[in-house]
PDB file of all heavy atoms in Angstrom:
ATOM      1  N   CYS A   1      -2.440   8.816  12.891  1.00  0.00           N
ATOM      2  CA  CYS A   1      -2.674   8.456  11.498  1.00  0.00           C
ATOM      3  C   CYS A   1      -2.077   7.082  11.187  1.00  0.00           C
ATOM      4  O   CYS A   1      -1.144   6.623  11.843  1.00  0.00           O
ATOM      5  CB  CYS A   1      -2.058   9.495  10.575  1.00  0.00           C
ATOM      6  SG  CYS A   1      -2.741  11.144  10.788  1.00  0.00           S
ATOM      7  N   LEU A   2      -2.624   6.450  10.182  1.00  0.00           N
ATOM      8  CA  LEU A   2      -2.086   5.179   9.692  1.00  0.00           C
ATOM      9  C   LEU A   2      -1.088   5.479   8.578  1.00  0.00           C
ATOM     10  O   LEU A   2      -1.481   5.909   7.489  1.00  0.00           O
ATOM     11  CB  LEU A   2      -3.210   4.288   9.165  1.00  0.00           C
ATOM     12  CG  LEU A   2      -2.765   2.994   8.476  1.00  0.00           C
ATOM     13  CD1 LEU A   2      -2.130   2.035   9.484  1.00  0.00           C
ATOM     14  CD2 LEU A   2      -3.938   2.323   7.753  1.00  0.00           C
ATOM     15  N   PRO A   3       0.212   5.287   8.807  1.00  0.00           N
ATOM     16  CA  PRO A   3       1.192   5.553   7.734  1.00  0.00           C
ATOM     17  C   PRO A   3       1.153   4.452   6.687  1.00  0.00           C
ATOM     18  O   PRO A   3       1.075   3.264   7.024  1.00  0.00           O
ATOM     19  CB  PRO A   3       2.525   5.567   8.486  1.00  0.00           C
ATOM     20  CG  PRO A   3       2.300   4.714   9.688  1.00  0.00           C
ATOM     21  CD  PRO A   3       0.859   4.853  10.062  1.00  0.00           C
ATOM     22  N   ILE A   4       1.174   4.848   5.436  1.00  0.00           N
ATOM     23  CA  ILE A   4       1.176   3.909   4.310  1.00  0.00           C
ATOM     24  C   ILE A   4       2.503   4.063   3.588  1.00  0.00           C
ATOM     25  O   ILE A   4       2.977   5.181   3.373  1.00  0.00           O
ATOM     26  CB  ILE A   4      -0.007   4.161   3.364  1.00  0.00           C
ATOM     27  CG1 ILE A   4      -1.325   4.034   4.137  1.00  0.00           C
ATOM     28  CG2 ILE A   4       0.009   3.188   2.196  1.00  0.00           C
ATOM     29  CD1 ILE A   4      -2.546   4.361   3.332  1.00  0.00           C
ATOM     30  N   SER A   5       3.079   2.965   3.193  1.00  0.00           N
ATOM     31  CA  SER A   5       4.426   2.966   2.626  1.00  0.00           C
ATOM     32  C   SER A   5       4.573   3.973   1.496  1.00  0.00           C
ATOM     33  O   SER A   5       3.736   4.051   0.597  1.00  0.00           O
ATOM     34  CB  SER A   5       4.771   1.562   2.099  1.00  0.00           C
ATOM     35  OG  SER A   5       5.995   1.583   1.401  1.00  0.00           O
ATOM     36  N   ARG A   6       5.653   4.744   1.545  1.00  0.00           N
ATOM     37  CA  ARG A   6       5.949   5.704   0.486  1.00  0.00           C
ATOM     38  C   ARG A   6       6.197   5.008  -0.855  1.00  0.00           C
ATOM     39  O   ARG A   6       5.989   5.586  -1.924  1.00  0.00           O
ATOM     40  CB  ARG A   6       7.171   6.528   0.881  1.00  0.00           C
ATOM     41  CG  ARG A   6       7.535   7.638  -0.085  1.00  0.00           C
ATOM     42  CD  ARG A   6       8.862   8.253   0.288  1.00  0.00           C
ATOM     43  NE  ARG A   6       8.787   8.960   1.560  1.00  0.00           N
ATOM     44  CZ  ARG A   6       8.585  10.275   1.656  1.00  0.00           C
ATOM     45  NH1 ARG A   6       8.432  10.996   0.578  1.00  0.00           N
ATOM     46  NH2 ARG A   6       8.547  10.855   2.836  1.00  0.00           N
ATOM     47  N   ASN A   7       6.624   3.748  -0.810  1.00  0.00           N
ATOM     48  CA  ASN A   7       6.906   3.013  -2.043  1.00  0.00           C
ATOM     49  C   ASN A   7       5.649   2.804  -2.887  1.00  0.00           C
ATOM     50  O   ASN A   7       5.722   2.630  -4.095  1.00  0.00           O
ATOM     51  CB  ASN A   7       7.525   1.649  -1.713  1.00  0.00           C
ATOM     52  CG  ASN A   7       8.881   1.782  -1.058  1.00  0.00           C
ATOM     53  OD1 ASN A   7       9.597   2.758  -1.283  1.00  0.00           O
ATOM     54  ND2 ASN A   7       9.240   0.806  -0.231  1.00  0.00           N
ATOM     55  N   VAL A   8       4.482   2.820  -2.238  1.00  0.00           N
ATOM     56  CA  VAL A   8       3.234   2.566  -2.955  1.00  0.00           C
ATOM     57  C   VAL A   8       2.765   3.813  -3.686  1.00  0.00           C
ATOM     58  O   VAL A   8       2.405   3.768  -4.861  1.00  0.00           O
ATOM     59  CB  VAL A   8       2.142   2.076  -1.977  1.00  0.00           C
ATOM     60  CG1 VAL A   8       0.819   1.880  -2.708  1.00  0.00           C
ATOM     61  CG2 VAL A   8       2.580   0.784  -1.297  1.00  0.00           C
ATOM     62  N   PHE A   9       2.752   4.954  -3.016  1.00  0.00           N
ATOM     63  CA  PHE A   9       2.153   6.162  -3.573  1.00  0.00           C
ATOM     64  C   PHE A   9       3.165   7.250  -3.908  1.00  0.00           C
ATOM     65  O   PHE A   9       2.785   8.379  -4.152  1.00  0.00           O
ATOM     66  CB  PHE A   9       1.112   6.707  -2.595  1.00  0.00           C
ATOM     67  CG  PHE A   9       0.033   5.725  -2.263  1.00  0.00           C
ATOM     68  CD1 PHE A   9      -0.173   5.321  -0.966  1.00  0.00           C
ATOM     69  CD2 PHE A   9      -0.762   5.197  -3.259  1.00  0.00           C
ATOM     70  CE1 PHE A   9      -1.166   4.408  -0.655  1.00  0.00           C
ATOM     71  CE2 PHE A   9      -1.753   4.283  -2.965  1.00  0.00           C
ATOM     72  CZ  PHE A   9      -1.951   3.887  -1.662  1.00  0.00           C
ATOM     73  N   GLN A  10       4.451   6.958  -3.875  1.00  0.00           N
ATOM     74  CA  GLN A  10       5.532   7.880  -4.236  1.00  0.00           C
ATOM     75  C   GLN A  10       5.754   8.938  -3.164  1.00  0.00           C
ATOM     76  O   GLN A  10       6.891   9.267  -2.833  1.00  0.00           O
ATOM     77  CB  GLN A  10       5.255   8.548  -5.581  1.00  0.00           C
ATOM     78  CG  GLN A  10       6.406   9.423  -6.077  1.00  0.00           C
ATOM     79  CD  GLN A  10       6.126  10.041  -7.425  1.00  0.00           C
ATOM     80  OE1 GLN A  10       5.053   9.864  -7.989  1.00  0.00           O
ATOM     81  NE2 GLN A  10       7.079  10.777  -7.943  1.00  0.00           N
ATOM     82  N   TYR A  11       4.678   9.480  -2.595  1.00  0.00           N
ATOM     83  CA  TYR A  11       4.798  10.463  -1.533  1.00  0.00           C
ATOM     84  C   TYR A  11       4.249   9.873  -0.228  1.00  0.00           C
ATOM     85  O   TYR A  11       3.573   8.853  -0.231  1.00  0.00           O
ATOM     86  CB  TYR A  11       4.021  11.740  -1.885  1.00  0.00           C
ATOM     87  CG  TYR A  11       4.578  12.457  -3.090  1.00  0.00           C
ATOM     88  CD1 TYR A  11       3.976  12.336  -4.338  1.00  0.00           C
ATOM     89  CD2 TYR A  11       5.722  13.246  -2.989  1.00  0.00           C
ATOM     90  CE1 TYR A  11       4.482  12.989  -5.452  1.00  0.00           C
ATOM     91  CE2 TYR A  11       6.244  13.898  -4.099  1.00  0.00           C
ATOM     92  CZ  TYR A  11       5.622  13.765  -5.326  1.00  0.00           C
ATOM     93  OH  TYR A  11       6.137  14.410  -6.415  1.00  0.00           O
ATOM     94  N   ALA A  12       4.557  10.536   0.876  1.00  0.00           N
ATOM     95  CA  ALA A  12       4.043  10.076   2.167  1.00  0.00           C
ATOM     96  C   ALA A  12       2.523  10.117   2.162  1.00  0.00           C
ATOM     97  O   ALA A  12       1.906  11.112   1.770  1.00  0.00           O
ATOM     98  CB  ALA A  12       4.594  10.965   3.284  1.00  0.00           C
ATOM     99  N   CYS A  13       1.905   9.025   2.602  1.00  0.00           N
ATOM    100  CA  CYS A  13       0.445   8.922   2.608  1.00  0.00           C
ATOM    101  C   CYS A  13      -0.002   8.461   3.992  1.00  0.00           C
ATOM    102  O   CYS A  13       0.608   7.560   4.586  1.00  0.00           O
ATOM    103  CB  CYS A  13      -0.034   7.947   1.535  1.00  0.00           C
ATOM    104  SG  CYS A  13      -1.837   7.748   1.465  1.00  0.00           S
ATOM    105  N   TYR A  14      -1.059   9.076   4.499  1.00  0.00           N
ATOM    106  CA  TYR A  14      -1.566   8.752   5.828  1.00  0.00           C
ATOM    107  C   TYR A  14      -3.075   8.577   5.779  1.00  0.00           C
ATOM    108  O   TYR A  14      -3.788   9.393   5.177  1.00  0.00           O
ATOM    109  CB  TYR A  14      -1.224   9.862   6.833  1.00  0.00           C
ATOM    110  CG  TYR A  14       0.251  10.075   7.025  1.00  0.00           C
ATOM    111  CD1 TYR A  14       0.937  10.991   6.236  1.00  0.00           C
ATOM    112  CD2 TYR A  14       0.961   9.356   7.973  1.00  0.00           C
ATOM    113  CE1 TYR A  14       2.306  11.189   6.404  1.00  0.00           C
ATOM    114  CE2 TYR A  14       2.325   9.541   8.145  1.00  0.00           C
ATOM    115  CZ  TYR A  14       2.985  10.451   7.362  1.00  0.00           C
ATOM    116  OH  TYR A  14       4.330  10.641   7.519  1.00  0.00           O
ATOM    117  N   GLY A  15      -3.554   7.520   6.434  1.00  0.00           N
ATOM    118  CA  GLY A  15      -4.986   7.350   6.634  1.00  0.00           C
ATOM    119  C   GLY A  15      -5.393   8.032   7.926  1.00  0.00           C
ATOM    120  O   GLY A  15      -4.738   7.882   8.961  1.00  0.00           O
ATOM    121  N   ILE A  16      -6.471   8.806   7.871  1.00  0.00           N
ATOM    122  CA  ILE A  16      -6.914   9.593   9.024  1.00  0.00           C
ATOM    123  C   ILE A  16      -7.873   8.752   9.858  1.00  0.00           C
ATOM    124  O   ILE A  16      -8.920   8.311   9.364  1.00  0.00           O
ATOM    125  CB  ILE A  16      -7.585  10.898   8.571  1.00  0.00           C
ATOM    126  CG1 ILE A  16      -6.624  11.701   7.671  1.00  0.00           C
ATOM    127  CG2 ILE A  16      -8.024  11.717   9.776  1.00  0.00           C
ATOM    128  CD1 ILE A  16      -5.294  12.009   8.307  1.00  0.00           C
ATOM    129  N   THR A  17      -7.520   8.541  11.121  1.00  0.00           N
ATOM    130  CA  THR A  17      -8.306   7.684  12.007  1.00  0.00           C
ATOM    131  C   THR A  17      -9.121   8.460  13.032  1.00  0.00           C
ATOM    132  O   THR A  17     -10.013   7.898  13.663  1.00  0.00           O
ATOM    133  CB  THR A  17      -7.380   6.709  12.768  1.00  0.00           C
ATOM    134  OG1 THR A  17      -6.481   7.461  13.590  1.00  0.00           O
ATOM    135  CG2 THR A  17      -6.570   5.873  11.797  1.00  0.00           C
ATOM    136  N   LYS A  18      -8.812   9.741  13.251  1.00  0.00           N
ATOM    137  CA  LYS A  18      -9.508  10.539  14.255  1.00  0.00           C
ATOM    138  C   LYS A  18      -9.877  11.900  13.670  1.00  0.00           C
ATOM    139  O   LYS A  18      -9.236  12.380  12.736  1.00  0.00           O
ATOM    140  CB  LYS A  18      -8.617  10.748  15.490  1.00  0.00           C
ATOM    141  CG  LYS A  18      -8.289   9.487  16.267  1.00  0.00           C
ATOM    142  CD  LYS A  18      -7.410   9.817  17.478  1.00  0.00           C
ATOM    143  CE  LYS A  18      -8.104  10.771  18.413  1.00  0.00           C
ATOM    144  NZ  LYS A  18      -7.287  11.065  19.618  1.00  0.00           N
ATOM    145  N   PRO A  19     -10.920  12.542  14.232  1.00  0.00           N
ATOM    146  CA  PRO A  19     -11.243  13.901  13.790  1.00  0.00           C
ATOM    147  C   PRO A  19     -10.080  14.845  14.061  1.00  0.00           C
ATOM    148  O   PRO A  19      -9.254  14.609  14.950  1.00  0.00           O
ATOM    149  CB  PRO A  19     -12.473  14.266  14.638  1.00  0.00           C
ATOM    150  CG  PRO A  19     -13.043  12.963  15.076  1.00  0.00           C
ATOM    151  CD  PRO A  19     -11.878  12.036  15.231  1.00  0.00           C
ATOM    152  N   LYS A  20     -10.028  15.920  13.307  1.00  0.00           N
ATOM    153  CA  LYS A  20      -8.927  16.865  13.459  1.00  0.00           C
ATOM    154  C   LYS A  20      -9.030  17.620  14.778  1.00  0.00           C
ATOM    155  O   LYS A  20     -10.116  17.802  15.340  1.00  0.00           O
ATOM    156  CB  LYS A  20      -8.922  17.854  12.296  1.00  0.00           C
ATOM    157  CG  LYS A  20     -10.138  18.782  12.268  1.00  0.00           C
ATOM    158  CD  LYS A  20     -10.118  19.678  11.035  1.00  0.00           C
ATOM    159  CE  LYS A  20     -11.369  20.558  10.982  1.00  0.00           C
ATOM    160  NZ  LYS A  20     -11.403  21.384   9.758  1.00  0.00           N
ATOM    161  N   THR A  21      -7.870  18.045  15.275  1.00  0.00           N
ATOM    162  CA  THR A  21      -7.783  18.912  16.448  1.00  0.00           C
ATOM    163  C   THR A  21      -7.365  20.301  15.977  1.00  0.00           C
ATOM    164  O   THR A  21      -6.374  20.446  15.255  1.00  0.00           O
ATOM    165  CB  THR A  21      -6.748  18.383  17.455  1.00  0.00           C
ATOM    166  OG1 THR A  21      -7.138  17.072  17.875  1.00  0.00           O
ATOM    167  CG2 THR A  21      -6.660  19.297  18.665  1.00  0.00           C
ATOM    168  N   VAL A  22      -8.112  21.308  16.351  1.00  0.00           N
ATOM    169  CA  VAL A  22      -7.819  22.686  15.953  1.00  0.00           C
ATOM    170  C   VAL A  22      -7.136  23.392  17.123  1.00  0.00           C
ATOM    171  O   VAL A  22      -7.666  23.430  18.234  1.00  0.00           O
ATOM    172  CB  VAL A  22      -9.093  23.437  15.545  1.00  0.00           C
ATOM    173  CG1 VAL A  22      -8.760  24.879  15.167  1.00  0.00           C
ATOM    174  CG2 VAL A  22      -9.785  22.720  14.389  1.00  0.00           C
ATOM    175  N   MET A  23      -5.952  23.926  16.861  1.00  0.00           N
ATOM    176  CA  MET A  23      -5.186  24.612  17.907  1.00  0.00           C
ATOM    177  C   MET A  23      -4.711  25.966  17.386  1.00  0.00           C
ATOM    178  O   MET A  23      -4.712  26.219  16.177  1.00  0.00           O
ATOM    179  CB  MET A  23      -3.969  23.766  18.313  1.00  0.00           C
ATOM    180  CG  MET A  23      -4.293  22.334  18.687  1.00  0.00           C
ATOM    181  SD  MET A  23      -2.861  21.461  19.329  1.00  0.00           S
ATOM    182  CE  MET A  23      -2.879  22.023  21.021  1.00  0.00           C
ATOM    183  N   ARG A  24      -4.300  26.787  18.322  1.00  0.00           N
ATOM    184  CA  ARG A  24      -3.696  28.063  17.972  1.00  0.00           C
ATOM    185  C   ARG A  24      -2.181  27.952  18.048  1.00  0.00           C
ATOM    186  O   ARG A  24      -1.651  27.134  18.811  1.00  0.00           O
ATOM    187  CB  ARG A  24      -4.189  29.185  18.892  1.00  0.00           C
ATOM    188  CG  ARG A  24      -5.650  29.529  18.686  1.00  0.00           C
ATOM    189  CD  ARG A  24      -6.046  30.767  19.458  1.00  0.00           C
ATOM    190  NE  ARG A  24      -7.427  31.131  19.193  1.00  0.00           N
ATOM    191  CZ  ARG A  24      -7.826  31.853  18.152  1.00  0.00           C
ATOM    192  NH1 ARG A  24      -6.926  32.316  17.292  1.00  0.00           N
ATOM    193  NH2 ARG A  24      -9.099  32.125  17.976  1.00  0.00           N
ATOM    194  N   LYS A  25      -1.499  28.756  17.283  1.00  0.00           N
ATOM    195  CA  LYS A  25      -0.039  28.730  17.308  1.00  0.00           C
ATOM    196  C   LYS A  25       0.467  29.052  18.709  1.00  0.00           C
ATOM    197  O   LYS A  25      -0.110  29.860  19.418  1.00  0.00           O
ATOM    198  CB  LYS A  25       0.518  29.746  16.305  1.00  0.00           C
ATOM    199  CG  LYS A  25       0.230  29.366  14.860  1.00  0.00           C
ATOM    200  CD  LYS A  25       0.778  30.395  13.898  1.00  0.00           C
ATOM    201  CE  LYS A  25       0.450  30.010  12.469  1.00  0.00           C
ATOM    202  NZ  LYS A  25       0.915  31.020  11.504  1.00  0.00           N
ATOM    203  N   GLY A  26       1.565  28.391  19.080  1.00  0.00           N
ATOM    204  CA  GLY A  26       2.104  28.548  20.408  1.00  0.00           C
ATOM    205  C   GLY A  26       1.744  27.400  21.320  1.00  0.00           C
ATOM    206  O   GLY A  26       2.352  27.211  22.376  1.00  0.00           O
ATOM    207  N   GLN A  27       0.741  26.581  20.911  1.00  0.00           N
ATOM    208  CA  GLN A  27       0.349  25.415  21.695  1.00  0.00           C
ATOM    209  C   GLN A  27       1.109  24.165  21.288  1.00  0.00           C
ATOM    210  O   GLN A  27       0.899  23.109  21.848  1.00  0.00           O
ATOM    211  CB  GLN A  27      -1.154  25.164  21.551  1.00  0.00           C
ATOM    212  CG  GLN A  27      -2.028  26.240  22.169  1.00  0.00           C
ATOM    213  CD  GLN A  27      -3.496  25.933  21.993  1.00  0.00           C
ATOM    214  OE1 GLN A  27      -4.051  26.126  20.934  1.00  0.00           O
ATOM    215  NE2 GLN A  27      -4.109  25.436  23.041  1.00  0.00           N
ATOM    216  N   PHE A  28       1.951  24.274  20.278  1.00  0.00           N
ATOM    217  CA  PHE A  28       2.730  23.127  19.837  1.00  0.00           C
ATOM    218  C   PHE A  28       4.108  23.599  19.403  1.00  0.00           C
ATOM    219  O   PHE A  28       4.340  24.787  19.183  1.00  0.00           O
ATOM    220  CB  PHE A  28       2.034  22.411  18.676  1.00  0.00           C
ATOM    221  CG  PHE A  28       2.030  23.222  17.411  1.00  0.00           C
ATOM    222  CD1 PHE A  28       2.975  22.987  16.422  1.00  0.00           C
ATOM    223  CD2 PHE A  28       1.111  24.219  17.205  1.00  0.00           C
ATOM    224  CE1 PHE A  28       2.989  23.743  15.258  1.00  0.00           C
ATOM    225  CE2 PHE A  28       1.107  24.975  16.050  1.00  0.00           C
ATOM    226  CZ  PHE A  28       2.044  24.737  15.073  1.00  0.00           C
ATOM    227  N   VAL A  29       5.050  22.637  19.313  1.00  0.00           N
ATOM    228  CA  VAL A  29       6.425  22.931  18.907  1.00  0.00           C
ATOM    229  C   VAL A  29       6.751  22.116  17.662  1.00  0.00           C
ATOM    230  O   VAL A  29       6.697  20.890  17.695  1.00  0.00           O
ATOM    231  CB  VAL A  29       7.431  22.592  20.034  1.00  0.00           C
ATOM    232  CG1 VAL A  29       8.853  22.869  19.567  1.00  0.00           C
ATOM    233  CG2 VAL A  29       7.093  23.372  21.281  1.00  0.00           C
ATOM    234  N   PRO A  30       7.071  22.765  16.525  1.00  0.00           N
ATOM    235  CA  PRO A  30       7.392  21.996  15.316  1.00  0.00           C
ATOM    236  C   PRO A  30       8.656  21.169  15.478  1.00  0.00           C
ATOM    237  O   PRO A  30       9.576  21.539  16.210  1.00  0.00           O
ATOM    238  CB  PRO A  30       7.585  23.087  14.250  1.00  0.00           C
ATOM    239  CG  PRO A  30       6.938  24.312  14.827  1.00  0.00           C
ATOM    240  CD  PRO A  30       7.106  24.199  16.304  1.00  0.00           C
ATOM    241  N   ILE A  31       8.693  20.065  14.794  1.00  0.00           N
ATOM    242  CA  ILE A  31       9.887  19.217  14.749  1.00  0.00           C
ATOM    243  C   ILE A  31      10.486  19.343  13.354  1.00  0.00           C
ATOM    244  O   ILE A  31       9.818  19.111  12.360  1.00  0.00           O
ATOM    245  CB  ILE A  31       9.549  17.740  15.033  1.00  0.00           C
ATOM    246  CG1 ILE A  31       9.085  17.574  16.477  1.00  0.00           C
ATOM    247  CG2 ILE A  31      10.749  16.849  14.777  1.00  0.00           C
ATOM    248  CD1 ILE A  31       8.722  16.150  16.823  1.00  0.00           C
TER     249      ILE A  31
END
């Protein structure tokens, strides 16, 4: 994603550059 400064939109804003990936739980680890 393209991160856009939080100072502009108050909250974190991201531009989406790629189609979404659909996964099932257990295939990733949260940070």
